[in-house]
Amino acid sequence: MHITPLLGISADALSALLDDAFGTDRHARTAYLLRKGMTVIEHLSFAILDNGELLASIQCWPVRVGKADLILIGPVAVASDRQNEGLGTQLMQLMLRAATPQDAPMVMIGDPEYYGRFGFSSDDTSGWTLPGPWEPRRLLLRNSNKVVLPTHGLLGPAD
């Protein structure tokens, strides 16, 4: 297995992985509305390949809450037949190591029980809203540089 920047992965292979991991109805999810029209952040987006087969990927996107820049993490996708092997954890750790002090705080929609170990929590997101359905406990923030963020606002694509 080896890790490569996501930029080198074909759109068809990535789409097939995402369909496998999340289903073909994935485009209706709120996270897709959050990143609509945005370009992936290259230095934080990676893939894991095994003999040329795409096994897992992580993508990061520019978003905002109010006028504050954020980085939306996700999807973190792992092929259905390779889940529970630590590939998602490996990608999360790699992405966090690749982050620079200049990068904005990170936000994601995910399970706090899983992503809490990476420093994500819903403690500071209760006043934020999303352009679609979501569970408030699953809107997670990682703000390791303690950037001052709005306490209320709509989370959405960066301009």
Protein backbone atom coordinates (compact mmCIF):
# COMPACT_ATOMS: atom_id res chain seq x y z
CA MET A 1 0.00 0.00 0.00
CA HIS A 2 1.07 3.55 -0.59
CA ILE A 3 -0.31 7.02 0.00
CA THR A 4 -0.52 9.55 -2.78
CA PRO A 5 -1.95 13.04 -3.18
CA LEU A 6 -5.59 12.85 -4.22
CA LEU A 7 -4.80 15.04 -7.22
CA GLY A 8 -3.32 12.00 -9.01
CA ILE A 9 -6.52 9.92 -8.67
CA SER A 10 -8.98 9.74 -11.55
CA ALA A 11 -12.43 11.22 -10.98
CA ASP A 12 -14.02 7.91 -12.01
CA ALA A 13 -12.03 5.89 -9.46
CA LEU A 14 -12.82 8.39 -6.71
CA SER A 15 -16.52 8.41 -7.59
CA ALA A 16 -16.62 4.61 -7.53
CA LEU A 17 -14.98 4.55 -4.08
CA LEU A 18 -17.41 7.14 -2.71
CA ASP A 19 -20.40 5.25 -4.14
CA ASP A 20 -19.12 2.05 -2.52
CA ALA A 21 -18.47 3.70 0.84
CA PHE A 22 -21.53 5.97 1.06
CA GLY A 23 -24.04 4.85 -1.58
CA THR A 24 -25.09 6.38 -4.85
CA ASP A 25 -27.49 8.76 -3.09
CA ARG A 26 -24.58 10.50 -1.35
CA HIS A 27 -25.02 13.74 -3.34
CA ALA A 28 -28.19 14.52 -1.38
CA ARG A 29 -26.29 14.74 1.90
CA THR A 30 -25.79 18.06 3.67
CA ALA A 31 -22.00 17.82 3.42
CA TYR A 32 -22.30 18.07 -0.38
CA LEU A 33 -24.22 21.35 -0.01
CA LEU A 34 -21.47 22.69 2.24
CA ARG A 35 -18.75 22.23 -0.36
CA LYS A 36 -20.79 22.86 -3.51
CA GLY A 37 -18.69 24.61 -6.13
CA MET A 38 -15.50 24.45 -4.06
CA THR A 39 -12.16 23.00 -5.16
CA VAL A 40 -10.52 20.41 -2.95
CA ILE A 41 -7.60 21.63 -0.80
CA GLU A 42 -4.75 19.72 -2.39
CA HIS A 43 -2.21 19.70 0.45
CA LEU A 44 -4.74 18.07 2.80
CA SER A 45 -6.38 15.54 0.45
CA PHE A 46 -4.92 12.05 0.02
CA ALA A 47 -5.59 8.54 -1.24
CA ILE A 48 -4.40 5.08 -0.28
CA LEU A 49 -3.68 2.70 -3.16
CA ASP A 50 -2.85 -0.99 -3.19
CA ASN A 51 -1.48 -2.34 -6.48
CA GLY A 52 -3.17 0.55 -8.29
CA GLU A 53 -6.56 -0.02 -6.60
CA LEU A 54 -8.03 2.92 -4.72
CA LEU A 55 -8.79 1.74 -1.17
CA ALA A 56 -9.43 4.97 0.72
CA SER A 57 -9.44 8.75 0.41
CA ILE A 58 -9.77 11.92 2.43
CA GLN A 59 -10.84 15.24 0.98
CA CYS A 60 -10.76 18.72 2.50
CA TRP A 61 -12.64 21.79 1.27
CA PRO A 62 -12.74 25.55 1.94
CA VAL A 63 -15.92 26.61 3.74
CA ARG A 64 -17.01 29.46 6.00
CA VAL A 65 -19.18 30.23 8.94
CA GLY A 66 -20.14 33.85 8.63
CA LYS A 67 -16.92 35.50 7.40
CA ALA A 68 -14.59 33.05 9.15
CA ASP A 69 -12.68 30.58 7.00
CA LEU A 70 -12.83 26.90 7.90
CA ILE A 71 -11.68 23.64 6.35
CA LEU A 72 -14.38 21.01 5.86
CA ILE A 73 -12.99 17.50 6.36
CA GLY A 74 -14.66 14.77 4.39
CA PRO A 75 -15.57 12.58 3.02
CA VAL A 76 -13.21 10.11 4.64
CA ALA A 77 -13.98 7.09 2.47
CA VAL A 78 -12.80 3.49 2.80
CA ALA A 79 -13.78 0.71 0.40
CA SER A 80 -16.49 -1.41 2.00
CA ASP A 81 -14.36 -4.56 1.88
CA ARG A 82 -11.42 -2.80 3.59
CA GLN A 83 -13.15 -1.07 6.49
CA ASN A 84 -11.97 -1.62 10.06
CA GLU A 85 -8.34 -1.98 8.94
CA GLY A 86 -7.26 1.46 10.18
CA LEU A 87 -7.15 3.14 6.76
CA GLY A 88 -9.44 6.00 7.81
CA THR A 89 -7.36 6.58 10.93
CA GLN A 90 -4.20 6.59 8.83
CA LEU A 91 -5.67 9.21 6.49
CA MET A 92 -6.88 11.41 9.35
CA GLN A 93 -3.44 11.33 10.98
CA LEU A 94 -1.73 12.10 7.67
CA MET A 95 -4.06 15.02 6.96
CA LEU A 96 -3.53 16.49 10.43
CA ARG A 97 0.26 16.20 10.04
CA ALA A 98 0.03 17.95 6.66
CA ALA A 99 -1.90 20.87 8.11
CA THR A 100 0.08 24.08 8.50
CA PRO A 101 -0.22 26.77 11.19
CA GLN A 102 -1.74 29.01 8.48
CA ASP A 103 -4.60 26.58 7.80
CA ALA A 104 -8.03 27.51 9.10
CA PRO A 105 -9.79 25.58 11.87
CA MET A 106 -11.34 22.31 10.73
CA VAL A 107 -14.98 21.26 10.77
CA MET A 108 -16.73 18.05 9.84
CA ILE A 109 -19.97 16.14 10.11
CA GLY A 110 -19.14 12.87 11.81
CA ASP A 111 -19.40 10.64 14.82
CA PRO A 112 -17.94 12.36 17.89
CA GLU A 113 -17.11 8.96 19.39
CA TYR A 114 -14.72 8.30 16.48
CA TYR A 115 -13.43 11.77 15.58
CA GLY A 116 -13.02 12.97 19.17
CA ARG A 117 -9.68 11.17 19.31
CA PHE A 118 -8.43 13.55 16.61
CA GLY A 119 -9.41 16.65 18.60
CA PHE A 120 -12.88 17.23 17.10
CA SER A 121 -15.88 18.09 19.30
CA SER A 122 -19.26 19.78 19.07
CA ASP A 123 -18.55 22.06 22.03
CA ASP A 124 -18.35 25.27 19.97
CA THR A 125 -20.75 24.56 17.09
CA SER A 126 -24.16 24.67 18.77
CA GLY A 127 -24.98 28.11 17.32
CA TRP A 128 -24.12 27.16 13.75
CA THR A 129 -26.64 26.10 11.14
CA LEU A 130 -26.26 24.10 7.95
CA PRO A 131 -28.01 24.26 4.56
CA GLY A 132 -29.67 20.89 5.10
CA PRO A 133 -30.49 18.36 7.78
CA TRP A 134 -27.87 17.47 10.39
CA GLU A 135 -27.57 16.22 13.92
CA PRO A 136 -26.07 18.98 16.10
CA ARG A 137 -23.96 16.50 18.08
CA ARG A 138 -22.28 15.44 14.80
CA LEU A 139 -21.17 18.95 13.72
CA LEU A 140 -17.60 18.83 14.96
CA LEU A 141 -14.84 21.44 15.16
CA ARG A 142 -11.09 21.20 15.65
CA ASN A 143 -9.68 24.63 16.44
CA SER A 144 -6.19 23.87 17.70
CA ASN A 145 -4.95 27.45 17.12
CA LYS A 146 -7.90 28.87 19.12
CA VAL A 147 -9.01 31.15 16.26
CA VAL A 148 -11.93 33.36 17.31
CA LEU A 149 -14.98 32.09 15.42
CA PRO A 150 -18.57 33.30 15.29
CA THR A 151 -20.81 31.69 17.89
CA HIS A 152 -23.74 31.81 15.43
CA GLY A 153 -23.86 31.60 11.66
CA LEU A 154 -24.59 29.55 8.58
CA LEU A 155 -21.88 27.12 7.53
CA GLY A 156 -21.44 26.99 3.77
CA PRO A 157 -19.07 27.16 0.80
CA ALA A 158 -16.32 29.77 0.81
CA ASP A 159 -16.75 32.48 -1.81
